[in-house]
PDB file of N, CA and C in Angstrom:
ATOM      1  N   MET A   1       0.872  -1.174  -0.084  1.00  0.00           N
ATOM      2  CA  MET A   1      -0.040  -0.151   0.105  1.00  0.00           C
ATOM      3  C   MET A   1       1.012   1.246  -0.210  1.00  0.00           C
ATOM      4  N   LYS A   2       0.491   2.356  -0.805  1.00  0.00           N
ATOM      5  CA  LYS A   2       1.440   3.537  -0.923  1.00  0.00           C
ATOM      6  C   LYS A   2       0.773   4.552  -0.077  1.00  0.00           C
ATOM      7  N   ARG A   3       1.671   5.513   0.594  1.00  0.00           N
ATOM      8  CA  ARG A   3       1.426   6.481   1.395  1.00  0.00           C
ATOM      9  C   ARG A   3      -0.024   7.337   0.702  1.00  0.00           C
ATOM     10  N   GLU A   4       0.069   7.765  -0.409  1.00  0.00           N
ATOM     11  CA  GLU A   4      -1.080   8.306  -1.092  1.00  0.00           C
ATOM     12  C   GLU A   4      -2.288   7.908  -1.133  1.00  0.00           C
ATOM     13  N   HIS A   5      -2.269   6.162  -1.159  1.00  0.00           N
ATOM     14  CA  HIS A   5      -3.536   5.732  -0.892  1.00  0.00           C
ATOM     15  C   HIS A   5      -4.066   5.749   0.362  1.00  0.00           C
ATOM     16  N   VAL A   6      -3.159   5.502   1.559  1.00  0.00           N
ATOM     17  CA  VAL A   6      -3.433   5.721   2.923  1.00  0.00           C
ATOM     18  C   VAL A   6      -3.987   7.209   3.107  1.00  0.00           C
ATOM     19  N   LEU A   7      -3.611   8.139   2.547  1.00  0.00           N
ATOM     20  CA  LEU A   7      -3.770   9.609   3.009  1.00  0.00           C
ATOM     21  C   LEU A   7      -5.426   9.632   1.915  1.00  0.00           C
ATOM     22  N   GLN A   8      -5.899   9.209   0.971  1.00  0.00           N
ATOM     23  CA  GLN A   8      -7.029   9.211   0.366  1.00  0.00           C
ATOM     24  C   GLN A   8      -7.992   8.066   1.242  1.00  0.00           C
ATOM     25  N   LEU A   9      -7.592   7.289   1.945  1.00  0.00           N
ATOM     26  CA  LEU A   9      -8.616   6.321   2.629  1.00  0.00           C
ATOM     27  C   LEU A   9      -8.639   7.405   3.909  1.00  0.00           C
ATOM     28  N   ILE A  10      -7.899   7.983   4.630  1.00  0.00           N
ATOM     29  CA  ILE A  10      -7.906   8.919   5.735  1.00  0.00           C
ATOM     30  C   ILE A  10      -8.786   9.940   5.226  1.00  0.00           C
ATOM     31  N   GLN A  11      -8.969  10.664   4.233  1.00  0.00           N
ATOM     32  CA  GLN A  11      -9.524  11.727   3.473  1.00  0.00           C
ATOM     33  C   GLN A  11     -10.775  11.480   3.685  1.00  0.00           C
ATOM     34  N   GLU A  12     -11.117   9.881   3.148  1.00  0.00           N
ATOM     35  CA  GLU A  12     -12.558   9.585   2.890  1.00  0.00           C
ATOM     36  C   GLU A  12     -13.075   9.153   4.527  1.00  0.00           C
ATOM     37  N   CYS A  13     -12.319   8.776   5.435  1.00  0.00           N
ATOM     38  CA  CYS A  13     -12.654   8.713   6.773  1.00  0.00           C
ATOM     39  C   CYS A  13     -13.156  10.409   7.157  1.00  0.00           C
ATOM     40  N   PHE A  14     -12.447  11.322   7.107  1.00  0.00           N
ATOM     41  CA  PHE A  14     -12.672  12.541   7.579  1.00  0.00           C
ATOM     42  C   PHE A  14     -14.141  13.211   6.774  1.00  0.00           C
ATOM     43  N   ASP A  15     -14.245  12.705   5.408  1.00  0.00           N
ATOM     44  CA  ASP A  15     -15.407  12.991   4.898  1.00  0.00           C
ATOM     45  C   ASP A  15     -16.505  12.266   5.602  1.00  0.00           C
ATOM     46  N   THR A  16     -16.448  10.942   6.170  1.00  0.00           N
ATOM     47  CA  THR A  16     -17.629  10.547   6.563  1.00  0.00           C
ATOM     48  C   THR A  16     -17.737  11.180   8.036  1.00  0.00           C
ATOM     49  N   LEU A  17     -16.912  11.653   8.794  1.00  0.00           N
ATOM     50  CA  LEU A  17     -16.811  12.230  10.017  1.00  0.00           C
ATOM     51  C   LEU A  17     -17.786  13.502   9.528  1.00  0.00           C
ATOM     52  N   ALA A  18     -17.385  14.441   8.917  1.00  0.00           N
ATOM     53  CA  ALA A  18     -17.935  15.635   8.342  1.00  0.00           C
ATOM     54  C   ALA A  18     -19.455  15.490   8.113  1.00  0.00           C
ATOM     55  N   SER A  19     -19.940  14.292   7.312  1.00  0.00           N
ATOM     56  CA  SER A  19     -21.173  14.075   6.930  1.00  0.00           C
ATOM     57  C   SER A  19     -22.041  13.275   8.112  1.00  0.00           C
ATOM     58  N   SER A  20     -21.390  13.127   8.717  1.00  0.00           N
ATOM     59  CA  SER A  20     -21.985  12.451   9.871  1.00  0.00           C
ATOM     60  C   SER A  20     -22.019  13.450  11.336  1.00  0.00           C
ATOM     61  N   ASP A  21     -21.495  14.630  10.848  1.00  0.00           N
ATOM     62  CA  ASP A  21     -21.666  15.720  12.212  1.00  0.00           C
ATOM     63  C   ASP A  21     -20.923  15.562  13.239  1.00  0.00           C
ATOM     64  N   LEU A  22     -19.886  14.425  12.835  1.00  0.00           N
ATOM     65  CA  LEU A  22     -18.675  14.173  14.334  1.00  0.00           C
ATOM     66  C   LEU A  22     -17.842  15.305  14.095  1.00  0.00           C
ATOM     67  N   ILE A  23     -17.622  16.168  12.844  1.00  0.00           N
ATOM     68  CA  ILE A  23     -16.673  17.210  13.159  1.00  0.00           C
ATOM     69  C   ILE A  23     -17.440  18.276  12.404  1.00  0.00           C
ATOM     70  N   LYS A  24     -17.238  19.499  12.629  1.00  0.00           N
ATOM     71  CA  LYS A  24     -18.343  20.436  12.312  1.00  0.00           C
ATOM     72  C   LYS A  24     -17.778  20.785  10.748  1.00  0.00           C
ATOM     73  N   GLU A  25     -16.663  20.699  10.221  1.00  0.00           N
ATOM     74  CA  GLU A  25     -16.691  21.167   8.790  1.00  0.00           C
ATOM     75  C   GLU A  25     -15.681  19.888   8.043  1.00  0.00           C
ATOM     76  N   LYS A  26     -15.803  20.247   6.835  1.00  0.00           N
ATOM     77  CA  LYS A  26     -15.560  19.252   5.961  1.00  0.00           C
ATOM     78  C   LYS A  26     -13.736  19.905   5.922  1.00  0.00           C
ATOM     79  N   VAL A  27     -12.935  19.008   5.611  1.00  0.00           N
ATOM     80  CA  VAL A  27     -11.474  19.128   6.241  1.00  0.00           C
ATOM     81  C   VAL A  27     -10.783  18.454   4.818  1.00  0.00           C
ATOM     82  N   HIS A  28      -9.713  19.466   4.387  1.00  0.00           N
ATOM     83  CA  HIS A  28      -8.905  18.729   3.595  1.00  0.00           C
ATOM     84  C   HIS A  28      -7.579  18.053   3.852  1.00  0.00           C
ATOM     85  N   VAL A  29      -7.447  16.848   3.698  1.00  0.00           N
ATOM     86  CA  VAL A  29      -6.335  16.092   4.743  1.00  0.00           C
ATOM     87  C   VAL A  29      -4.984  16.394   3.881  1.00  0.00           C
ATOM     88  N   ASP A  30      -4.034  16.626   4.633  1.00  0.00           N
ATOM     89  CA  ASP A  30      -2.599  16.408   4.073  1.00  0.00           C
ATOM     90  C   ASP A  30      -1.780  15.919   5.086  1.00  0.00           C
ATOM     91  N   GLY A  31      -0.732  15.505   4.574  1.00  0.00           N
ATOM     92  CA  GLY A  31       0.352  14.720   5.804  1.00  0.00           C
ATOM     93  C   GLY A  31       0.385  15.771   7.135  1.00  0.00           C
ATOM     94  N   GLN A  32       0.026  17.037   7.185  1.00  0.00           N
ATOM     95  CA  GLN A  32       0.412  17.413   8.496  1.00  0.00           C
ATOM     96  C   GLN A  32      -0.996  17.518   8.973  1.00  0.00           C
ATOM     97  N   THR A  33      -2.128  17.334   8.835  1.00  0.00           N
ATOM     98  CA  THR A  33      -3.304  17.327   9.570  1.00  0.00           C
ATOM     99  C   THR A  33      -3.253  16.329  10.778  1.00  0.00           C
ATOM    100  N   GLN A  34      -3.454  17.333  11.834  1.00  0.00           N
ATOM    101  CA  GLN A  34      -3.304  16.454  13.275  1.00  0.00           C
ATOM    102  C   GLN A  34      -4.615  15.604  13.564  1.00  0.00           C
ATOM    103  N   LEU A  35      -4.442  14.274  13.977  1.00  0.00           N
ATOM    104  CA  LEU A  35      -5.629  13.514  14.508  1.00  0.00           C
ATOM    105  C   LEU A  35      -5.553  13.678  15.840  1.00  0.00           C
ATOM    106  N   LEU A  36      -4.193  13.560  16.571  1.00  0.00           N
ATOM    107  CA  LEU A  36      -4.267  13.960  18.107  1.00  0.00           C
ATOM    108  C   LEU A  36      -3.368  15.076  18.496  1.00  0.00           C
ATOM    109  N   GLY A  37      -3.709  16.099  19.442  1.00  0.00           N
ATOM    110  CA  GLY A  37      -3.066  17.145  20.140  1.00  0.00           C
ATOM    111  C   GLY A  37      -3.758  18.019  19.990  1.00  0.00           C
ATOM    112  N   PRO A  38      -3.142  19.460  20.186  1.00  0.00           N
ATOM    113  CA  PRO A  38      -3.435  20.663  20.641  1.00  0.00           C
ATOM    114  C   PRO A  38      -4.081  21.212  19.466  1.00  0.00           C
ATOM    115  N   ASN A  39      -4.181  20.775  18.162  1.00  0.00           N
ATOM    116  CA  ASN A  39      -4.750  21.338  17.067  1.00  0.00           C
ATOM    117  C   ASN A  39      -5.676  20.492  16.481  1.00  0.00           C
ATOM    118  N   SER A  40      -5.787  18.935  17.107  1.00  0.00           N
ATOM    119  CA  SER A  40      -6.771  18.311  16.508  1.00  0.00           C
ATOM    120  C   SER A  40      -8.322  18.639  16.306  1.00  0.00           C
ATOM    121  N   LEU A  41      -8.916  18.344  15.179  1.00  0.00           N
ATOM    122  CA  LEU A  41     -10.060  18.599  14.989  1.00  0.00           C
ATOM    123  C   LEU A  41     -11.300  17.567  15.247  1.00  0.00           C
ATOM    124  N   LEU A  42     -10.637  16.661  16.170  1.00  0.00           N
ATOM    125  CA  LEU A  42     -10.961  15.497  16.566  1.00  0.00           C
ATOM    126  C   LEU A  42     -11.432  15.112  18.189  1.00  0.00           C
ATOM    127  N   ASP A  43     -12.607  15.379  18.401  1.00  0.00           N
ATOM    128  CA  ASP A  43     -12.686  14.690  20.109  1.00  0.00           C
ATOM    129  C   ASP A  43     -12.676  13.431  19.918  1.00  0.00           C
ATOM    130  N   SER A  44     -12.779  12.959  21.480  1.00  0.00           N
ATOM    131  CA  SER A  44     -12.189  11.317  21.687  1.00  0.00           C
ATOM    132  C   SER A  44     -13.593  10.309  20.793  1.00  0.00           C
ATOM    133  N   ILE A  45     -14.482  10.912  20.786  1.00  0.00           N
ATOM    134  CA  ILE A  45     -15.479  10.176  19.848  1.00  0.00           C
ATOM    135  C   ILE A  45     -15.123  10.063  18.619  1.00  0.00           C
ATOM    136  N   ALA A  46     -15.065  11.071  18.083  1.00  0.00           N
ATOM    137  CA  ALA A  46     -14.269  11.501  16.679  1.00  0.00           C
ATOM    138  C   ALA A  46     -13.301  10.414  16.300  1.00  0.00           C
ATOM    139  N   PHE A  47     -12.203  10.575  17.393  1.00  0.00           N
ATOM    140  CA  PHE A  47     -11.051   9.814  16.887  1.00  0.00           C
ATOM    141  C   PHE A  47     -11.489   8.394  17.012  1.00  0.00           C
ATOM    142  N   VAL A  48     -12.011   7.936  17.958  1.00  0.00           N
ATOM    143  CA  VAL A  48     -12.221   6.522  17.820  1.00  0.00           C
ATOM    144  C   VAL A  48     -13.098   6.250  16.493  1.00  0.00           C
ATOM    145  N   THR A  49     -14.032   6.617  16.455  1.00  0.00           N
ATOM    146  CA  THR A  49     -14.771   6.263  14.866  1.00  0.00           C
ATOM    147  C   THR A  49     -13.708   6.255  13.925  1.00  0.00           C
ATOM    148  N   PHE A  50     -13.066   7.346  13.942  1.00  0.00           N
ATOM    149  CA  PHE A  50     -12.252   7.469  12.497  1.00  0.00           C
ATOM    150  C   PHE A  50     -10.964   6.241  12.530  1.00  0.00           C
ATOM    151  N   MET A  51     -10.730   5.990  13.794  1.00  0.00           N
ATOM    152  CA  MET A  51      -9.810   4.788  13.705  1.00  0.00           C
ATOM    153  C   MET A  51     -10.238   3.872  13.355  1.00  0.00           C
ATOM    154  N   VAL A  52     -11.616   3.272  13.627  1.00  0.00           N
ATOM    155  CA  VAL A  52     -12.365   2.155  13.517  1.00  0.00           C
ATOM    156  C   VAL A  52     -12.704   1.878  11.702  1.00  0.00           C
ATOM    157  N   GLU A  53     -13.232   3.535  11.509  1.00  0.00           N
ATOM    158  CA  GLU A  53     -13.509   3.099  10.158  1.00  0.00           C
ATOM    159  C   GLU A  53     -12.359   3.124   9.227  1.00  0.00           C
ATOM    160  N   LEU A  54     -11.107   3.648   9.931  1.00  0.00           N
ATOM    161  CA  LEU A  54      -9.702   3.525   8.887  1.00  0.00           C
ATOM    162  C   LEU A  54      -9.535   2.267   8.940  1.00  0.00           C
ATOM    163  N   GLU A  55      -9.353   1.543  10.136  1.00  0.00           N
ATOM    164  CA  GLU A  55      -9.070   0.043  10.176  1.00  0.00           C
ATOM    165  C   GLU A  55     -10.107  -0.768   9.026  1.00  0.00           C
ATOM    166  N   ASP A  56     -11.248  -0.398   9.243  1.00  0.00           N
ATOM    167  CA  ASP A  56     -12.235  -1.316   8.207  1.00  0.00           C
ATOM    168  C   ASP A  56     -11.414  -1.026   6.676  1.00  0.00           C
ATOM    169  N   ARG A  57     -11.387   0.296   6.515  1.00  0.00           N
ATOM    170  CA  ARG A  57     -11.313   0.713   4.851  1.00  0.00           C
ATOM    171  C   ARG A  57      -9.777   0.206   4.567  1.00  0.00           C
ATOM    172  N   ILE A  58      -8.741  -0.152   5.704  1.00  0.00           N
ATOM    173  CA  ILE A  58      -7.348  -0.550   5.340  1.00  0.00           C
ATOM    174  C   ILE A  58      -7.632  -2.016   4.924  1.00  0.00           C
ATOM    175  N   THR A  59      -8.331  -2.890   5.531  1.00  0.00           N
ATOM    176  CA  THR A  59      -8.596  -4.019   5.816  1.00  0.00           C
ATOM    177  C   THR A  59      -9.471  -4.543   4.506  1.00  0.00           C
ATOM    178  N   GLN A  60     -10.341  -3.748   4.088  1.00  0.00           N
ATOM    179  CA  GLN A  60     -10.948  -4.295   2.698  1.00  0.00           C
ATOM    180  C   GLN A  60      -9.952  -4.144   1.321  1.00  0.00           C
ATOM    181  N   THR A  61      -8.873  -3.161   1.619  1.00  0.00           N
ATOM    182  CA  THR A  61      -7.664  -3.061   0.315  1.00  0.00           C
ATOM    183  C   THR A  61      -6.909  -4.525   0.449  1.00  0.00           C
ATOM    184  N   LEU A  62      -6.751  -4.876   1.785  1.00  0.00           N
ATOM    185  CA  LEU A  62      -5.573  -6.199   1.846  1.00  0.00           C
ATOM    186  C   LEU A  62      -6.350  -7.408   1.065  1.00  0.00           C
ATOM    187  N   GLU A  63      -5.629  -8.320   0.922  1.00  0.00           N
ATOM    188  CA  GLU A  63      -5.658  -9.796   0.189  1.00  0.00           C
ATOM    189  C   GLU A  63      -6.580 -10.405   1.209  1.00  0.00           C
ATOM    190  N   PRO A  64      -7.822 -11.126   0.430  1.00  0.00           N
ATOM    191  CA  PRO A  64      -9.035 -11.828   1.087  1.00  0.00           C
ATOM    192  C   PRO A  64      -8.406 -12.530   2.081  1.00  0.00           C
ATOM    193  N   ASP A  65      -7.007 -13.362   2.235  1.00  0.00           N
ATOM    194  CA  ASP A  65      -6.642 -13.883   3.261  1.00  0.00           C
ATOM    195  C   ASP A  65      -5.872 -13.404   4.313  1.00  0.00           C
ATOM    196  N   ALA A  66      -5.655 -11.776   4.070  1.00  0.00           N
ATOM    197  CA  ALA A  66      -4.976 -11.486   5.311  1.00  0.00           C
ATOM    198  C   ALA A  66      -5.554 -11.396   6.291  1.00  0.00           C
ATOM    199  N   PRO A  67      -4.863 -10.881   7.730  1.00  0.00           N
ATOM    200  CA  PRO A  67      -5.941 -10.756   8.830  1.00  0.00           C
ATOM    201  C   PRO A  67      -6.299  -9.262   8.768  1.00  0.00           C
ATOM    202  N   MET A  68      -6.906  -9.000   9.628  1.00  0.00           N
ATOM    203  CA  MET A  68      -7.801  -7.586   9.697  1.00  0.00           C
ATOM    204  C   MET A  68      -6.678  -6.840  10.465  1.00  0.00           C
ATOM    205  N   PHE A  69      -6.651  -5.893   9.507  1.00  0.00           N
ATOM    206  CA  PHE A  69      -5.480  -4.752  10.025  1.00  0.00           C
ATOM    207  C   PHE A  69      -6.159  -3.974  11.119  1.00  0.00           C
ATOM    208  N   SER A  70      -5.223  -3.670  12.160  1.00  0.00           N
ATOM    209  CA  SER A  70      -5.771  -3.027  13.356  1.00  0.00           C
ATOM    210  C   SER A  70      -5.071  -2.154  14.143  1.00  0.00           C
ATOM    211  N   LEU A  71      -5.362  -1.156  14.501  1.00  0.00           N
ATOM    212  CA  LEU A  71      -4.533  -0.077  15.289  1.00  0.00           C
ATOM    213  C   LEU A  71      -4.916  -0.062  16.689  1.00  0.00           C
ATOM    214  N   SER A  72      -3.704   0.180  17.783  1.00  0.00           N
ATOM    215  CA  SER A  72      -4.151   0.323  19.058  1.00  0.00           C
ATOM    216  C   SER A  72      -3.317   1.631  19.712  1.00  0.00           C
ATOM    217  N   ILE A  73      -3.636   2.247  20.790  1.00  0.00           N
ATOM    218  CA  ILE A  73      -2.969   3.521  21.501  1.00  0.00           C
ATOM    219  C   ILE A  73      -1.368   2.946  21.587  1.00  0.00           C
ATOM    220  N   GLY A  74      -1.184   1.419  21.962  1.00  0.00           N
ATOM    221  CA  GLY A  74       0.263   1.402  22.275  1.00  0.00           C
ATOM    222  C   GLY A  74       0.629   1.282  21.025  1.00  0.00           C
ATOM    223  N   ASP A  75       0.305   0.854  19.751  1.00  0.00           N
ATOM    224  CA  ASP A  75       1.037   1.167  18.446  1.00  0.00           C
ATOM    225  C   ASP A  75       1.083   2.624  18.004  1.00  0.00           C
ATOM    226  N   ILE A  76       0.533   3.481  18.376  1.00  0.00           N
ATOM    227  CA  ILE A  76       0.632   4.806  18.288  1.00  0.00           C
ATOM    228  C   ILE A  76       1.340   5.525  18.888  1.00  0.00           C
ATOM    229  N   HIS A  77       1.782   4.983  20.220  1.00  0.00           N
ATOM    230  CA  HIS A  77       3.018   5.503  21.049  1.00  0.00           C
ATOM    231  C   HIS A  77       4.162   4.982  20.574  1.00  0.00           C
ATOM    232  N   ASP A  78       4.211   3.892  20.009  1.00  0.00           N
ATOM    233  CA  ASP A  78       5.676   3.277  19.413  1.00  0.00           C
ATOM    234  C   ASP A  78       6.112   3.703  18.584  1.00  0.00           C
ATOM    235  N   PHE A  79       5.011   3.999  17.236  1.00  0.00           N
ATOM    236  CA  PHE A  79       5.615   4.768  16.301  1.00  0.00           C
ATOM    237  C   PHE A  79       5.480   6.255  16.176  1.00  0.00           C
ATOM    238  N   ASN A  80       4.855   6.621  17.518  1.00  0.00           N
ATOM    239  CA  ASN A  80       4.982   8.233  17.395  1.00  0.00           C
ATOM    240  C   ASN A  80       5.736   8.586  18.795  1.00  0.00           C
ATOM    241  N   PRO A  81       6.690   8.297  19.282  1.00  0.00           N
ATOM    242  CA  PRO A  81       7.328   8.482  20.724  1.00  0.00           C
ATOM    243  C   PRO A  81       7.471   9.796  20.948  1.00  0.00           C
ATOM    244  N   ASP A  82       7.551  10.126  21.952  1.00  0.00           N
ATOM    245  CA  ASP A  82       7.726  11.602  22.860  1.00  0.00           C
ATOM    246  C   ASP A  82       7.066  12.419  21.792  1.00  0.00           C
ATOM    247  N   LYS A  83       6.057  12.584  21.195  1.00  0.00           N
ATOM    248  CA  LYS A  83       5.450  13.356  20.402  1.00  0.00           C
ATOM    249  C   LYS A  83       4.160  14.012  21.172  1.00  0.00           C
ATOM    250  N   ALA A  84       3.623  15.319  20.755  1.00  0.00           N
ATOM    251  CA  ALA A  84       2.402  15.788  21.357  1.00  0.00           C
ATOM    252  C   ALA A  84       1.566  15.521  20.583  1.00  0.00           C
ATOM    253  N   ALA A  85       1.780  15.333  19.146  1.00  0.00           N
ATOM    254  CA  ALA A  85       0.606  15.132  18.220  1.00  0.00           C
ATOM    255  C   ALA A  85       0.744  14.260  17.289  1.00  0.00           C
ATOM    256  N   LEU A  86      -0.155  13.564  16.813  1.00  0.00           N
ATOM    257  CA  LEU A  86      -0.161  12.379  15.687  1.00  0.00           C
ATOM    258  C   LEU A  86      -0.624  13.220  14.175  1.00  0.00           C
ATOM    259  N   THR A  87       0.012  13.520  13.577  1.00  0.00           N
ATOM    260  CA  THR A  87      -0.221  13.754  12.009  1.00  0.00           C
ATOM    261  C   THR A  87      -0.806  12.645  11.069  1.00  0.00           C
ATOM    262  N   THR A  88      -1.354  12.951  10.380  1.00  0.00           N
ATOM    263  CA  THR A  88      -1.885  12.162   9.235  1.00  0.00           C
ATOM    264  C   THR A  88      -0.826  11.418   8.446  1.00  0.00           C
ATOM    265  N   GLY A  89       0.531  12.201   8.188  1.00  0.00           N
ATOM    266  CA  GLY A  89       1.331  11.598   7.484  1.00  0.00           C
ATOM    267  C   GLY A  89       2.373  10.677   8.600  1.00  0.00           C
ATOM    268  N   THR A  90       2.157  11.034   9.989  1.00  0.00           N
ATOM    269  CA  THR A  90       3.148   9.854  10.250  1.00  0.00           C
ATOM    270  C   THR A  90       2.004   8.586  10.263  1.00  0.00           C
ATOM    271  N   LEU A  91       0.896   8.604  10.747  1.00  0.00           N
ATOM    272  CA  LEU A  91      -0.281   7.624  10.704  1.00  0.00           C
ATOM    273  C   LEU A  91      -0.010   7.244   9.402  1.00  0.00           C
ATOM    274  N   ALA A  92       0.217   7.865   7.953  1.00  0.00           N
ATOM    275  CA  ALA A  92       0.419   7.081   6.796  1.00  0.00           C
ATOM    276  C   ALA A  92       1.839   6.347   6.641  1.00  0.00           C
ATOM    277  N   ASP A  93       2.626   6.929   7.322  1.00  0.00           N
ATOM    278  CA  ASP A  93       3.861   6.050   6.985  1.00  0.00           C
ATOM    279  C   ASP A  93       3.948   4.831   7.674  1.00  0.00           C
ATOM    280  N   PHE A  94       3.478   4.830   8.879  1.00  0.00           N
ATOM    281  CA  PHE A  94       3.173   3.838   9.617  1.00  0.00           C
ATOM    282  C   PHE A  94       2.320   2.877   9.071  1.00  0.00           C
ATOM    283  N   THR A  95       1.180   2.825   8.300  1.00  0.00           N
ATOM    284  CA  THR A  95       0.392   2.124   7.829  1.00  0.00           C
ATOM    285  C   THR A  95       0.988   1.529   6.693  1.00  0.00           C
ATOM    286  N   VAL A  96       1.853   2.069   5.974  1.00  0.00           N
ATOM    287  CA  VAL A  96       2.648   1.923   4.770  1.00  0.00           C
ATOM    288  C   VAL A  96       3.499   0.622   4.976  1.00  0.00           C
ATOM    289  N   ARG A  97       4.180   0.610   6.341  1.00  0.00           N
ATOM    290  CA  ARG A  97       5.052  -0.173   6.912  1.00  0.00           C
ATOM    291  C   ARG A  97       4.112  -1.366   7.421  1.00  0.00           C
ATOM    292  N   ALA A  98       3.524  -1.383   8.081  1.00  0.00           N
ATOM    293  CA  ALA A  98       2.475  -2.278   9.007  1.00  0.00           C
ATOM    294  C   ALA A  98       1.771  -3.159   7.546  1.00  0.00           C
ATOM    295  N   THR A  99       1.063  -2.620   6.785  1.00  0.00           N
ATOM    296  CA  THR A  99       0.738  -3.297   5.522  1.00  0.00           C
ATOM    297  C   THR A  99       1.324  -3.874   4.999  1.00  0.00           C
ATOM    298  N   SER A 100       2.707  -3.665   4.630  1.00  0.00           N
ATOM    299  CA  SER A 100       3.739  -4.724   3.681  1.00  0.00           C
ATOM    300  C   SER A 100       3.932  -5.637   4.525  1.00  0.00           C
ATOM    301  N   ALA A 101       3.735  -5.463   5.696  1.00  0.00           N
ATOM    302  CA  ALA A 101       4.013  -7.161   6.570  1.00  0.00           C
ATOM    303  C   ALA A 101       2.901  -7.938   6.285  1.00  0.00           C
ATOM    304  N   HIS A 102       1.732  -7.271   5.669  1.00  0.00           N
ATOM    305  CA  HIS A 102       0.441  -8.381   5.668  1.00  0.00           C
ATOM    306  C   HIS A 102       0.588  -8.882   3.881  1.00  0.00           C
ATOM    307  N   ALA A 103       1.635  -8.340   2.865  1.00  0.00           N
ATOM    308  CA  ALA A 103       1.720  -8.504   1.849  1.00  0.00           C
ATOM    309  C   ALA A 103       2.521  -9.753   1.378  1.00  0.00           C
TER     310      ALA A 103
END
């Protein structure tokens, strides 16, 4: 899976959040969009909803016999140590590495 594809999936998740009113406005996602931290547009409910939807979207792109893709808070700390914020770019880079293990 390529980074651009992951960012597209993230954009689709943000579009769903906006259409379901979990976030107030439509967001144009780039690699610097904050998911966690002081400038995040996501509250805790929106963040959890985002993560579950992203896991589902990524799983659907994997081979049919691949295990379900999942992320945990522990994963985030492991790939984003000592950072006050989590950006879509950091999450996309991690996802590319993690999904290559499924290939």
